[in-house]
């Protein structure tokens, strides 16, 4: 299983590295859209979530950590973005990659009350499957379960909603032209 995840990560990393550098709000789009690696993680609320259960919805898969200052600053804006997009069949799925600090993550989430749950990846299996090398990092996953784009680093999510919605619907050329 670990070998399969490592092979998926290597293929995913290669597909994105050699992608055309067309950017929409800093989104790098792969030349070949491949299936996002599936996973099951427990959330801060104690419930398990599986990526494949969200098939049919567009997903922003956002990786963050409590020690990452830009990640912490993005939380309120990500909450607003998730509220803006929820009626458009979008899901914001945040994955915390802190190692051994689950109590700290829970305390942080209780303190800021972002309005969405965060999943916990203390072993780093999902982080490794998605080749996360910097934080924050987000993957855009289409309704078909395929990766549509990668966003590395802090972004102004407050201005991203219309462009992201159009991009995830396949209207990329309308946004860029």
N, C-alpha and C. Protein backbone atom coordinates (compact mmCIF):
# COMPACT_ATOMS: atom_id res chain seq x y z
N UNK A 1 0.83 -1.20 0.00
CA UNK A 1 0.00 0.00 0.00
C UNK A 1 0.88 1.26 0.00
N UNK A 2 1.92 1.22 0.86
CA UNK A 2 2.80 2.38 0.94
C UNK A 2 3.52 2.60 -0.39
N UNK A 3 3.91 1.49 -1.03
CA UNK A 3 4.60 1.58 -2.32
C UNK A 3 3.67 2.19 -3.37
N UNK A 4 2.40 1.77 -3.36
CA UNK A 4 1.42 2.30 -4.30
C UNK A 4 1.24 3.80 -4.09
N UNK A 5 1.16 4.23 -2.82
CA UNK A 5 1.00 5.66 -2.53
C UNK A 5 2.23 6.44 -2.99
N UNK A 6 3.42 5.85 -2.80
CA UNK A 6 4.64 6.54 -3.23
C UNK A 6 4.69 6.64 -4.75
N UNK A 7 4.25 5.60 -5.45
CA UNK A 7 4.23 5.65 -6.91
C UNK A 7 3.23 6.69 -7.40
N UNK A 8 2.07 6.75 -6.75
CA UNK A 8 1.07 7.77 -7.11
C UNK A 8 1.64 9.17 -6.89
N UNK A 9 2.33 9.35 -5.76
CA UNK A 9 2.90 10.66 -5.45
C UNK A 9 3.94 11.05 -6.49
N UNK A 10 4.79 10.10 -6.89
CA UNK A 10 5.81 10.38 -7.89
C UNK A 10 5.18 10.75 -9.23
N UNK A 11 4.16 10.00 -9.64
CA UNK A 11 3.48 10.29 -10.90
C UNK A 11 2.80 11.66 -10.84
N UNK A 12 2.12 11.92 -9.72
CA UNK A 12 1.42 13.19 -9.53
C UNK A 12 2.41 14.35 -9.59
N UNK A 13 3.52 14.20 -8.88
CA UNK A 13 4.54 15.24 -8.85
C UNK A 13 5.08 15.49 -10.26
N UNK A 14 5.36 14.42 -11.00
CA UNK A 14 5.87 14.55 -12.37
C UNK A 14 4.87 15.23 -13.28
N UNK A 15 3.60 14.85 -13.17
CA UNK A 15 2.57 15.43 -14.03
C UNK A 15 2.44 16.93 -13.80
N UNK A 16 2.58 17.36 -12.55
CA UNK A 16 2.43 18.78 -12.24
C UNK A 16 3.69 19.58 -12.58
N UNK A 17 4.85 18.98 -12.41
CA UNK A 17 6.10 19.68 -12.72
C UNK A 17 6.17 20.02 -14.20
N UNK A 18 5.71 19.11 -15.05
CA UNK A 18 5.81 19.32 -16.49
C UNK A 18 4.55 19.94 -17.08
N UNK A 19 3.70 20.47 -16.24
CA UNK A 19 2.48 21.11 -16.71
C UNK A 19 2.80 22.47 -17.31
N UNK A 20 1.91 22.93 -18.18
CA UNK A 20 2.04 24.30 -18.66
C UNK A 20 1.86 25.22 -17.47
N UNK A 21 2.65 26.27 -17.38
CA UNK A 21 2.55 27.13 -16.22
C UNK A 21 1.42 28.15 -16.32
N UNK A 22 0.29 27.77 -16.93
CA UNK A 22 -0.86 28.67 -16.97
C UNK A 22 -1.36 28.84 -15.54
N UNK A 23 -1.49 30.06 -15.13
CA UNK A 23 -1.89 30.29 -13.75
C UNK A 23 -3.15 31.14 -13.69
N UNK A 24 -4.04 30.72 -12.82
CA UNK A 24 -5.24 31.46 -12.48
C UNK A 24 -5.21 31.53 -10.96
N UNK A 25 -4.98 32.69 -10.41
CA UNK A 25 -4.79 32.84 -8.98
C UNK A 25 -3.68 31.93 -8.49
N UNK A 26 -2.65 31.76 -9.30
CA UNK A 26 -1.54 30.91 -8.91
C UNK A 26 -1.80 29.44 -9.07
N UNK A 27 -2.77 29.07 -9.89
CA UNK A 27 -3.10 27.66 -10.10
C UNK A 27 -2.28 27.11 -11.25
N UNK A 28 -1.52 26.07 -10.98
CA UNK A 28 -0.80 25.36 -12.03
C UNK A 28 -1.66 24.17 -12.41
N UNK A 29 -1.97 24.08 -13.70
CA UNK A 29 -2.84 23.00 -14.17
C UNK A 29 -2.01 21.91 -14.83
N UNK A 30 -2.28 20.65 -14.49
CA UNK A 30 -1.53 19.55 -15.09
C UNK A 30 -1.93 19.35 -16.55
N UNK A 31 -0.99 18.89 -17.36
CA UNK A 31 -1.31 18.57 -18.74
C UNK A 31 -2.24 17.37 -18.80
N UNK A 32 -2.01 16.42 -17.91
CA UNK A 32 -2.83 15.22 -17.85
C UNK A 32 -3.52 15.20 -16.49
N UNK A 33 -4.83 15.22 -16.52
CA UNK A 33 -5.59 15.17 -15.26
C UNK A 33 -5.69 13.72 -14.81
N UNK A 34 -5.16 13.43 -13.61
CA UNK A 34 -5.23 12.08 -13.09
C UNK A 34 -6.09 12.04 -11.84
N UNK A 35 -6.50 10.84 -11.47
CA UNK A 35 -7.33 10.68 -10.28
C UNK A 35 -6.56 11.11 -9.05
N UNK A 36 -7.23 11.82 -8.17
CA UNK A 36 -6.62 12.22 -6.91
C UNK A 36 -6.50 10.98 -6.02
N UNK A 37 -5.36 10.79 -5.35
CA UNK A 37 -5.23 9.65 -4.45
C UNK A 37 -6.32 9.71 -3.37
N UNK A 38 -7.01 8.60 -3.19
CA UNK A 38 -8.08 8.53 -2.19
C UNK A 38 -7.46 8.36 -0.81
N UNK A 39 -8.20 8.78 0.21
CA UNK A 39 -7.74 8.62 1.58
C UNK A 39 -8.93 8.67 2.53
N UNK A 40 -8.70 8.19 3.73
CA UNK A 40 -9.65 8.31 4.84
C UNK A 40 -8.89 8.87 6.02
N UNK A 41 -9.38 9.95 6.59
CA UNK A 41 -8.75 10.57 7.75
C UNK A 41 -9.81 10.95 8.77
N UNK A 42 -9.39 10.97 10.02
CA UNK A 42 -10.27 11.40 11.09
C UNK A 42 -10.19 12.92 11.20
N UNK A 43 -11.33 13.54 11.43
CA UNK A 43 -11.37 14.98 11.59
C UNK A 43 -11.19 15.39 13.03
N UNK A 44 -11.01 16.67 13.26
CA UNK A 44 -10.91 17.21 14.61
C UNK A 44 -12.17 16.85 15.40
N UNK A 45 -13.30 16.74 14.69
CA UNK A 45 -14.57 16.39 15.34
C UNK A 45 -14.69 14.89 15.65
N UNK A 46 -13.68 14.09 15.26
CA UNK A 46 -13.69 12.66 15.54
C UNK A 46 -14.30 11.80 14.45
N UNK A 47 -14.92 12.40 13.46
CA UNK A 47 -15.55 11.64 12.37
C UNK A 47 -14.56 11.38 11.24
N UNK A 48 -14.70 10.22 10.61
CA UNK A 48 -13.87 9.85 9.47
C UNK A 48 -14.44 10.48 8.20
N UNK A 49 -13.54 10.95 7.33
CA UNK A 49 -13.93 11.48 6.02
C UNK A 49 -13.09 10.76 4.96
N UNK A 50 -13.71 10.47 3.86
CA UNK A 50 -13.04 9.82 2.74
C UNK A 50 -13.20 10.71 1.52
N UNK A 51 -12.11 10.93 0.81
CA UNK A 51 -12.17 11.80 -0.37
C UNK A 51 -13.15 11.25 -1.39
N UNK A 52 -13.14 9.95 -1.62
CA UNK A 52 -14.01 9.36 -2.66
C UNK A 52 -15.49 9.56 -2.35
N UNK A 53 -15.84 9.80 -1.09
CA UNK A 53 -17.25 10.03 -0.75
C UNK A 53 -17.74 11.38 -1.28
N UNK A 54 -16.82 12.21 -1.73
CA UNK A 54 -17.18 13.54 -2.24
C UNK A 54 -17.27 13.59 -3.76
N UNK A 55 -17.16 12.42 -4.41
CA UNK A 55 -17.26 12.36 -5.87
C UNK A 55 -18.57 13.01 -6.28
N UNK A 56 -18.53 13.81 -7.33
CA UNK A 56 -19.71 14.56 -7.77
C UNK A 56 -19.68 16.00 -7.30
N UNK A 57 -18.72 16.31 -6.41
CA UNK A 57 -18.54 17.69 -5.94
C UNK A 57 -17.12 18.12 -6.27
N UNK A 58 -16.94 19.41 -6.49
CA UNK A 58 -15.60 19.96 -6.66
C UNK A 58 -15.00 20.15 -5.27
N UNK A 59 -13.73 19.80 -5.13
CA UNK A 59 -13.08 19.83 -3.82
C UNK A 59 -11.84 20.71 -3.87
N UNK A 60 -11.72 21.59 -2.88
CA UNK A 60 -10.46 22.28 -2.64
C UNK A 60 -9.83 21.54 -1.47
N UNK A 61 -8.76 20.80 -1.75
CA UNK A 61 -8.05 20.02 -0.73
C UNK A 61 -6.87 20.87 -0.26
N UNK A 62 -6.99 21.39 0.95
CA UNK A 62 -6.06 22.41 1.46
C UNK A 62 -5.22 21.82 2.59
N UNK A 63 -3.90 21.82 2.42
CA UNK A 63 -2.98 21.31 3.44
C UNK A 63 -2.41 22.48 4.24
N UNK A 64 -2.39 22.33 5.58
CA UNK A 64 -1.96 23.41 6.45
C UNK A 64 -1.36 22.85 7.73
N UNK A 65 -0.77 23.72 8.55
CA UNK A 65 -0.23 23.34 9.86
C UNK A 65 -0.40 24.52 10.82
N UNK A 66 -0.47 24.21 12.11
CA UNK A 66 -0.65 25.28 13.11
C UNK A 66 0.59 26.16 13.21
N UNK A 67 1.77 25.62 12.92
CA UNK A 67 3.00 26.39 13.02
C UNK A 67 3.25 27.27 11.79
N UNK A 68 2.42 27.15 10.78
CA UNK A 68 2.56 27.89 9.52
C UNK A 68 1.75 29.19 9.62
N UNK A 69 2.44 30.33 9.74
CA UNK A 69 1.75 31.61 9.90
C UNK A 69 0.81 31.93 8.74
N UNK A 70 1.22 31.77 7.47
CA UNK A 70 0.28 32.04 6.38
C UNK A 70 -0.95 31.13 6.43
N UNK A 71 -0.74 29.88 6.85
CA UNK A 71 -1.88 28.95 6.97
C UNK A 71 -2.89 29.48 7.97
N UNK A 72 -2.39 29.94 9.10
CA UNK A 72 -3.27 30.45 10.15
C UNK A 72 -4.02 31.70 9.67
N UNK A 73 -3.33 32.55 8.92
CA UNK A 73 -3.95 33.78 8.43
C UNK A 73 -5.03 33.50 7.40
N UNK A 74 -4.90 32.43 6.65
CA UNK A 74 -5.87 32.11 5.61
C UNK A 74 -7.19 31.56 6.16
N UNK A 75 -7.19 31.04 7.36
CA UNK A 75 -8.36 30.33 7.88
C UNK A 75 -9.67 31.13 7.81
N UNK A 76 -9.71 32.37 8.28
CA UNK A 76 -10.98 33.11 8.20
C UNK A 76 -11.46 33.33 6.76
N UNK A 77 -10.52 33.58 5.85
CA UNK A 77 -10.90 33.81 4.46
C UNK A 77 -11.35 32.50 3.81
N UNK A 78 -10.71 31.39 4.17
CA UNK A 78 -11.14 30.09 3.66
C UNK A 78 -12.55 29.76 4.14
N UNK A 79 -12.86 30.15 5.37
CA UNK A 79 -14.22 29.94 5.87
C UNK A 79 -15.22 30.71 5.01
N UNK A 80 -14.92 31.96 4.72
CA UNK A 80 -15.81 32.77 3.87
C UNK A 80 -15.94 32.16 2.48
N UNK A 81 -14.83 31.68 1.93
CA UNK A 81 -14.85 31.04 0.61
C UNK A 81 -15.72 29.79 0.63
N UNK A 82 -15.59 28.99 1.66
CA UNK A 82 -16.39 27.75 1.73
C UNK A 82 -17.88 28.08 1.80
N UNK A 83 -18.23 29.13 2.51
CA UNK A 83 -19.65 29.54 2.59
C UNK A 83 -20.15 30.05 1.24
N UNK A 84 -19.29 30.77 0.53
CA UNK A 84 -19.68 31.33 -0.77
C UNK A 84 -19.89 30.24 -1.82
N UNK A 85 -19.11 29.17 -1.72
CA UNK A 85 -19.15 28.13 -2.75
C UNK A 85 -20.03 26.93 -2.40
N UNK A 86 -20.52 26.85 -1.15
CA UNK A 86 -21.22 25.63 -0.75
C UNK A 86 -22.50 25.37 -1.55
N UNK A 87 -23.17 26.41 -2.00
CA UNK A 87 -24.39 26.20 -2.79
C UNK A 87 -24.06 25.89 -4.26
N UNK A 88 -22.78 25.88 -4.59
CA UNK A 88 -22.35 25.58 -5.96
C UNK A 88 -21.71 24.20 -6.05
N UNK A 89 -21.99 23.34 -5.07
CA UNK A 89 -21.50 21.96 -5.06
C UNK A 89 -19.99 21.88 -4.87
N UNK A 90 -19.43 22.79 -4.08
CA UNK A 90 -18.02 22.80 -3.73
C UNK A 90 -17.84 22.34 -2.29
N UNK A 91 -16.69 21.74 -2.00
CA UNK A 91 -16.35 21.36 -0.63
C UNK A 91 -14.92 21.82 -0.36
N UNK A 92 -14.72 22.48 0.77
CA UNK A 92 -13.39 22.80 1.24
C UNK A 92 -13.00 21.71 2.22
N UNK A 93 -11.92 21.01 1.94
CA UNK A 93 -11.46 19.92 2.79
C UNK A 93 -10.04 20.27 3.25
N UNK A 94 -9.90 20.65 4.50
CA UNK A 94 -8.60 21.03 5.04
C UNK A 94 -7.95 19.83 5.72
N UNK A 95 -6.66 19.65 5.47
CA UNK A 95 -5.91 18.55 6.07
C UNK A 95 -4.74 19.15 6.85
N UNK A 96 -4.75 18.93 8.16
CA UNK A 96 -3.67 19.41 9.00
C UNK A 96 -2.55 18.39 9.01
N UNK A 97 -1.31 18.85 8.83
CA UNK A 97 -0.17 17.95 8.73
C UNK A 97 0.76 18.03 9.94
N UNK A 98 0.30 18.62 11.04
CA UNK A 98 1.11 18.65 12.27
C UNK A 98 1.41 17.23 12.72
N UNK A 99 2.61 17.00 13.18
CA UNK A 99 2.99 15.68 13.69
C UNK A 99 2.95 15.70 15.21
N UNK A 100 2.14 14.83 15.78
CA UNK A 100 2.09 14.69 17.22
C UNK A 100 1.53 15.88 17.97
N UNK A 101 0.77 16.72 17.33
CA UNK A 101 0.22 17.92 17.99
C UNK A 101 -1.29 17.99 17.80
N UNK A 102 -1.97 16.87 17.88
CA UNK A 102 -3.40 16.86 17.62
C UNK A 102 -4.18 17.69 18.64
N UNK A 103 -3.72 17.70 19.89
CA UNK A 103 -4.40 18.54 20.89
C UNK A 103 -4.23 20.02 20.55
N UNK A 104 -3.05 20.39 20.06
CA UNK A 104 -2.82 21.77 19.65
C UNK A 104 -3.69 22.17 18.46
N UNK A 105 -3.88 21.25 17.54
CA UNK A 105 -4.73 21.51 16.38
C UNK A 105 -6.17 21.71 16.83
N UNK A 106 -6.64 20.83 17.72
CA UNK A 106 -8.01 20.95 18.22
C UNK A 106 -8.20 22.27 18.96
N UNK A 107 -7.22 22.65 19.78
CA UNK A 107 -7.31 23.91 20.52
C UNK A 107 -7.35 25.10 19.56
N UNK A 108 -6.52 25.06 18.53
CA UNK A 108 -6.50 26.14 17.54
C UNK A 108 -7.84 26.25 16.84
N UNK A 109 -8.39 25.12 16.42
CA UNK A 109 -9.68 25.12 15.72
C UNK A 109 -10.80 25.63 16.63
N UNK A 110 -10.76 25.26 17.91
CA UNK A 110 -11.77 25.75 18.85
C UNK A 110 -11.62 27.26 19.06
N UNK A 111 -10.39 27.73 19.07
CA UNK A 111 -10.13 29.16 19.28
C UNK A 111 -10.63 30.01 18.12
N UNK A 112 -10.34 29.61 16.89
CA UNK A 112 -10.70 30.45 15.75
C UNK A 112 -12.10 30.16 15.20
N UNK A 113 -12.64 28.98 15.52
CA UNK A 113 -13.98 28.59 15.07
C UNK A 113 -14.18 28.91 13.58
N UNK A 114 -13.44 28.22 12.71
CA UNK A 114 -13.49 28.57 11.29
C UNK A 114 -14.79 28.20 10.59
N UNK A 115 -15.63 27.39 11.20
CA UNK A 115 -16.89 27.02 10.54
C UNK A 115 -16.77 25.80 9.66
N UNK A 116 -15.60 25.17 9.63
CA UNK A 116 -15.43 23.92 8.89
C UNK A 116 -14.52 23.01 9.69
N UNK A 117 -14.61 21.74 9.41
CA UNK A 117 -13.80 20.74 10.09
C UNK A 117 -12.44 20.64 9.42
N UNK A 118 -11.45 20.21 10.16
CA UNK A 118 -10.14 19.93 9.59
C UNK A 118 -9.80 18.48 9.85
N UNK A 119 -9.23 17.83 8.86
CA UNK A 119 -8.82 16.44 9.00
C UNK A 119 -7.39 16.39 9.52
N UNK A 120 -7.06 15.31 10.21
CA UNK A 120 -5.75 15.16 10.83
C UNK A 120 -4.93 14.11 10.10
N UNK A 121 -3.70 14.46 9.73
CA UNK A 121 -2.79 13.55 9.04
C UNK A 121 -1.46 13.50 9.80
N UNK A 122 -1.48 13.02 11.07
CA UNK A 122 -0.27 13.07 11.89
C UNK A 122 0.84 12.14 11.40
N UNK A 123 0.50 11.08 10.69
CA UNK A 123 1.51 10.16 10.17
C UNK A 123 2.10 10.63 8.85
N UNK A 124 1.43 11.56 8.19
CA UNK A 124 1.94 12.12 6.94
C UNK A 124 1.67 11.29 5.70
N UNK A 125 0.81 10.27 5.80
CA UNK A 125 0.53 9.43 4.64
C UNK A 125 -0.12 10.21 3.50
N UNK A 126 -1.10 11.03 3.82
CA UNK A 126 -1.79 11.81 2.78
C UNK A 126 -0.87 12.91 2.27
N UNK A 127 -0.16 13.55 3.18
CA UNK A 127 0.81 14.58 2.77
C UNK A 127 1.81 14.00 1.77
N UNK A 128 2.30 12.80 2.03
CA UNK A 128 3.25 12.15 1.13
C UNK A 128 2.59 11.75 -0.19
N UNK A 129 1.36 11.27 -0.13
CA UNK A 129 0.66 10.85 -1.36
C UNK A 129 0.47 12.03 -2.31
N UNK A 130 0.36 13.24 -1.75
CA UNK A 130 0.17 14.44 -2.56
C UNK A 130 1.47 15.24 -2.74
N UNK A 131 2.58 14.68 -2.31
CA UNK A 131 3.90 15.32 -2.48
C UNK A 131 3.94 16.74 -1.94
N UNK A 132 3.43 16.95 -0.75
CA UNK A 132 3.41 18.28 -0.15
C UNK A 132 4.82 18.64 0.31
N UNK A 133 5.37 19.72 -0.23
CA UNK A 133 6.72 20.17 0.10
C UNK A 133 6.72 21.56 0.73
N UNK A 134 5.61 22.27 0.64
CA UNK A 134 5.51 23.62 1.20
C UNK A 134 4.08 23.82 1.69
N UNK A 135 3.93 24.71 2.64
CA UNK A 135 2.60 25.02 3.18
C UNK A 135 2.36 26.51 3.09
N UNK A 136 1.13 26.90 2.89
CA UNK A 136 -0.01 26.05 2.55
C UNK A 136 0.06 25.59 1.09
N UNK A 137 -0.55 24.45 0.83
CA UNK A 137 -0.67 23.90 -0.52
C UNK A 137 -2.10 23.41 -0.69
N UNK A 138 -2.67 23.70 -1.85
CA UNK A 138 -4.04 23.26 -2.14
C UNK A 138 -4.09 22.56 -3.48
N UNK A 139 -4.89 21.50 -3.52
CA UNK A 139 -5.19 20.82 -4.78
C UNK A 139 -6.65 21.10 -5.12
N UNK A 140 -6.91 21.32 -6.39
CA UNK A 140 -8.28 21.48 -6.87
C UNK A 140 -8.65 20.17 -7.54
N UNK A 141 -9.73 19.57 -7.05
CA UNK A 141 -10.16 18.26 -7.54
C UNK A 141 -11.55 18.42 -8.13
N UNK A 142 -11.69 18.03 -9.39
CA UNK A 142 -12.96 18.17 -10.09
C UNK A 142 -14.00 17.16 -9.62
N UNK A 143 -15.21 17.34 -10.09
CA UNK A 143 -16.32 16.46 -9.72
C UNK A 143 -16.08 15.02 -10.14
N UNK A 144 -15.21 14.83 -11.12
CA UNK A 144 -14.88 13.48 -11.58
C UNK A 144 -13.79 12.82 -10.74
N UNK A 145 -13.29 13.53 -9.71
CA UNK A 145 -12.25 12.99 -8.85
C UNK A 145 -10.85 13.18 -9.38
N UNK A 146 -10.71 13.92 -10.48
CA UNK A 146 -9.40 14.15 -11.07
C UNK A 146 -8.84 15.50 -10.65
N UNK A 147 -7.53 15.57 -10.55
CA UNK A 147 -6.86 16.80 -10.13
C UNK A 147 -6.90 17.82 -11.26
N UNK A 148 -7.42 19.01 -10.94
CA UNK A 148 -7.54 20.10 -11.91
C UNK A 148 -6.44 21.13 -11.75
N UNK A 149 -5.85 21.21 -10.55
CA UNK A 149 -4.83 22.22 -10.35
C UNK A 149 -4.15 22.12 -9.00
N UNK A 150 -3.06 22.86 -8.89
CA UNK A 150 -2.25 22.91 -7.68
C UNK A 150 -1.97 24.37 -7.36
N UNK A 151 -2.12 24.73 -6.10
CA UNK A 151 -1.82 26.09 -5.63
C UNK A 151 -0.83 25.95 -4.48
N UNK A 152 0.36 26.51 -4.64
CA UNK A 152 1.35 26.45 -3.57
C UNK A 152 1.56 27.84 -3.00
N UNK A 153 1.52 27.93 -1.69
CA UNK A 153 1.74 29.20 -1.02
C UNK A 153 0.45 29.92 -0.70
N UNK A 154 0.61 31.00 0.03
CA UNK A 154 -0.53 31.81 0.48
C UNK A 154 -1.18 32.51 -0.70
N UNK A 155 -2.50 32.59 -0.68
CA UNK A 155 -3.26 33.25 -1.74
C UNK A 155 -4.34 34.13 -1.12
N UNK A 156 -4.81 35.09 -1.89
CA UNK A 156 -5.95 35.90 -1.47
C UNK A 156 -7.21 35.19 -1.92
N UNK A 157 -7.68 34.27 -1.09
CA UNK A 157 -8.84 33.45 -1.43
C UNK A 157 -10.11 34.28 -1.57
N UNK A 158 -10.14 35.48 -1.01
CA UNK A 158 -11.37 36.28 -1.06
C UNK A 158 -11.72 36.68 -2.49
N UNK A 159 -10.72 36.72 -3.38
CA UNK A 159 -10.97 37.11 -4.76
C UNK A 159 -11.03 35.91 -5.70
N UNK A 160 -10.90 34.71 -5.16
CA UNK A 160 -10.74 33.53 -6.00
C UNK A 160 -12.03 32.84 -6.38
N UNK A 161 -13.12 33.06 -5.65
CA UNK A 161 -14.33 32.25 -5.83
C UNK A 161 -14.84 32.18 -7.26
N UNK A 162 -15.09 33.29 -7.96
CA UNK A 162 -15.63 33.17 -9.32
C UNK A 162 -14.69 32.44 -10.28
N UNK A 163 -13.40 32.74 -10.21
CA UNK A 163 -12.44 32.10 -11.10
C UNK A 163 -12.33 30.61 -10.81
N UNK A 164 -12.29 30.25 -9.53
CA UNK A 164 -12.21 28.83 -9.17
C UNK A 164 -13.45 28.08 -9.62
N UNK A 165 -14.60 28.69 -9.41
CA UNK A 165 -15.84 28.03 -9.81
C UNK A 165 -15.84 27.78 -11.32
N UNK A 166 -15.49 28.79 -12.10
CA UNK A 166 -15.45 28.64 -13.56
C UNK A 166 -14.41 27.61 -13.99
N UNK A 167 -13.24 27.65 -13.35
CA UNK A 167 -12.19 26.72 -13.72
C UNK A 167 -12.62 25.28 -13.45
N UNK A 168 -13.24 25.05 -12.31
CA UNK A 168 -13.65 23.70 -11.95
C UNK A 168 -14.79 23.22 -12.84
N UNK A 169 -15.47 24.14 -13.50
CA UNK A 169 -16.53 23.77 -14.43
C UNK A 169 -15.97 23.56 -15.84
N UNK A 170 -14.67 23.78 -16.02
CA UNK A 170 -14.05 23.55 -17.31
C UNK A 170 -14.00 24.78 -18.20
N UNK A 171 -14.26 25.96 -17.65
CA UNK A 171 -14.27 27.18 -18.43
C UNK A 171 -12.96 27.95 -18.30
N UNK A 172 -11.84 27.25 -18.28
CA UNK A 172 -10.55 27.88 -18.04
C UNK A 172 -10.23 28.92 -19.10
N UNK A 173 -10.48 28.64 -20.34
CA UNK A 173 -10.12 29.57 -21.42
C UNK A 173 -10.86 30.90 -21.28
N UNK A 174 -12.09 30.88 -20.78
CA UNK A 174 -12.84 32.12 -20.60
C UNK A 174 -12.21 33.00 -19.54
N UNK A 175 -11.57 32.40 -18.56
CA UNK A 175 -10.96 33.17 -17.48
C UNK A 175 -9.65 33.80 -17.94
N UNK A 176 -8.88 33.04 -18.73
CA UNK A 176 -7.54 33.49 -19.10
C UNK A 176 -7.57 34.48 -20.24
N UNK A 177 -8.50 34.34 -21.16
CA UNK A 177 -8.51 35.20 -22.34
C UNK A 177 -9.05 36.59 -22.05
